[in-house]
Amino acid sequence: MKKLTLTQTKQCQNCPWKKSVTVADIPNYCVKTHEALRETIADETGNVSQIQCKNITVMTCHKSIRSPCVGWLHNQLGIGSNVPLRIQMMFYSNVKEIEVDGEQKKTFDETLI
């Protein structure tokens, strides 16, 4: 089986997961759209809702809706411990190329600031 590849593996300059970025730095920012992305975050046990497990909901990059947000991937594959996402990423060949830039926010709530 041929492995899939992430189209973007480097965190963009205005990623909301970077500690150095505020929502004011994000072009065309919409708080309502951002708040709706809460459903992409695993709970404290590393799981998401049953509905999401069937079809993983992904936080896409604000620059390209075709790519998952690299900051989100880093968080959810790391301290966010998103189990369904971890399983899905087993089918991608370039996951180890994910690269964030600088210190990262630890929670989704921090990205809303």
Protein backbone atom coordinates (compact mmCIF):
# COMPACT_ATOMS: atom_id res chain seq x y z
CA MET A 1 0.00 0.00 0.00
CA LYS A 2 1.37 3.39 -0.99
CA LYS A 3 1.78 5.82 1.91
CA LEU A 4 0.09 9.23 1.86
CA THR A 5 2.01 12.48 2.35
CA LEU A 6 1.17 15.66 4.19
CA THR A 7 1.22 18.62 1.80
CA GLN A 8 2.64 20.91 4.47
CA THR A 9 5.05 19.93 7.25
CA LYS A 10 6.47 23.30 8.32
CA GLN A 11 4.53 25.60 10.63
CA CYS A 12 3.53 28.89 9.02
CA GLN A 13 4.53 32.29 10.37
CA ASN A 14 1.12 33.25 11.78
CA CYS A 15 0.08 29.89 13.20
CA PRO A 16 -2.26 30.34 16.20
CA TRP A 17 -0.39 27.54 18.05
CA LYS A 18 2.82 29.61 18.26
CA LYS A 19 3.21 31.43 21.59
CA SER A 20 4.48 34.49 19.74
CA VAL A 21 1.26 34.82 17.68
CA THR A 22 -2.01 36.43 18.76
CA VAL A 23 -5.30 36.29 16.87
CA ALA A 24 -4.61 39.86 15.71
CA ASP A 25 -1.70 38.43 13.67
CA ILE A 26 -3.94 36.06 11.69
CA PRO A 27 -5.23 37.49 8.38
CA ASN A 28 -9.05 37.52 8.02
CA TYR A 29 -9.46 36.12 11.54
CA CYS A 30 -12.99 35.14 12.61
CA VAL A 31 -13.54 34.22 16.28
CA LYS A 32 -16.69 32.21 15.46
CA THR A 33 -14.84 30.03 12.94
CA HIS A 34 -11.91 29.60 15.32
CA GLU A 35 -14.14 28.62 18.25
CA ALA A 36 -15.84 25.98 16.05
CA LEU A 37 -12.46 24.25 15.73
CA ARG A 38 -12.71 23.15 19.37
CA GLU A 39 -14.27 19.90 18.09
CA THR A 40 -10.89 18.97 16.55
CA ILE A 41 -9.25 18.74 19.98
CA ALA A 42 -8.98 15.44 21.86
CA ASP A 43 -10.23 15.36 25.45
CA GLU A 44 -7.99 14.68 28.45
CA THR A 45 -8.16 10.93 27.73
CA GLY A 46 -6.88 11.37 24.16
CA ASN A 47 -10.21 10.61 22.53
CA VAL A 48 -12.65 12.54 20.41
CA SER A 49 -16.40 11.98 20.06
CA GLN A 50 -17.72 8.82 18.36
CA ILE A 51 -18.90 10.87 15.40
CA GLN A 52 -15.43 12.29 14.90
CA CYS A 53 -13.81 8.86 15.16
CA LYS A 54 -15.65 7.77 12.01
CA ASN A 55 -14.42 10.79 10.07
CA ILE A 56 -11.64 12.72 11.80
CA THR A 57 -12.26 16.44 11.99
CA VAL A 58 -9.06 18.33 11.22
CA MET A 59 -8.01 21.88 12.01
CA THR A 60 -6.81 23.12 8.63
CA CYS A 61 -4.14 25.73 8.09
CA HIS A 62 -5.49 29.29 7.87
CA LYS A 63 -3.42 29.73 4.69
CA SER A 64 -4.58 26.58 2.88
CA ILE A 65 -7.73 24.59 3.59
CA ARG A 66 -6.07 21.64 1.84
CA SER A 67 -3.47 21.20 4.59
CA PRO A 68 -3.85 20.37 8.27
CA CYS A 69 -2.49 23.07 10.59
CA VAL A 70 1.07 22.02 11.47
CA GLY A 71 0.77 23.55 14.96
CA TRP A 72 -2.43 21.56 15.54
CA LEU A 73 -0.79 18.36 14.26
CA HIS A 74 2.18 18.90 16.57
CA ASN A 75 -0.13 19.47 19.55
CA GLN A 76 -2.56 16.64 18.87
CA LEU A 77 0.14 14.09 18.01
CA GLY A 78 2.11 15.17 21.09
CA ILE A 79 0.66 16.48 24.36
CA GLY A 80 -2.90 16.51 22.95
CA SER A 81 -2.69 12.74 22.45
CA ASN A 82 -5.42 12.54 19.79
CA VAL A 83 -5.71 8.76 19.42
CA PRO A 84 -7.74 8.65 16.16
CA LEU A 85 -5.33 11.16 14.57
CA ARG A 86 -2.32 9.11 15.67
CA ILE A 87 -3.82 6.05 13.99
CA GLN A 88 -4.56 8.00 10.82
CA MET A 89 -1.01 9.38 10.67
CA MET A 90 0.38 5.83 10.49
CA PHE A 91 -0.59 5.97 6.80
CA TYR A 92 1.53 9.08 6.09
CA SER A 93 5.17 8.79 5.08
CA ASN A 94 6.36 12.27 6.12
CA VAL A 95 4.94 12.73 9.63
CA LYS A 96 8.47 12.86 11.06
CA GLU A 97 9.07 15.96 8.92
CA ILE A 98 6.55 18.03 10.94
CA GLU A 99 8.45 21.09 12.13
CA VAL A 100 7.20 23.83 14.43
CA ASP A 101 8.78 27.24 14.84
CA GLY A 102 9.44 28.34 18.41
CA GLU A 103 7.56 27.81 21.64
CA GLN A 104 4.04 26.40 21.27
CA LYS A 105 0.76 26.93 23.11
CA LYS A 106 -0.34 23.89 25.10
CA THR A 107 -4.15 24.18 24.85
CA PHE A 108 -6.77 25.17 22.32
CA ASP A 109 -7.99 27.93 24.67
CA GLU A 110 -4.56 29.56 24.46
CA THR A 111 -4.95 29.80 20.67
CA LEU A 112 -8.02 32.01 21.10
CA ILE A 113 -5.96 34.84 22.61
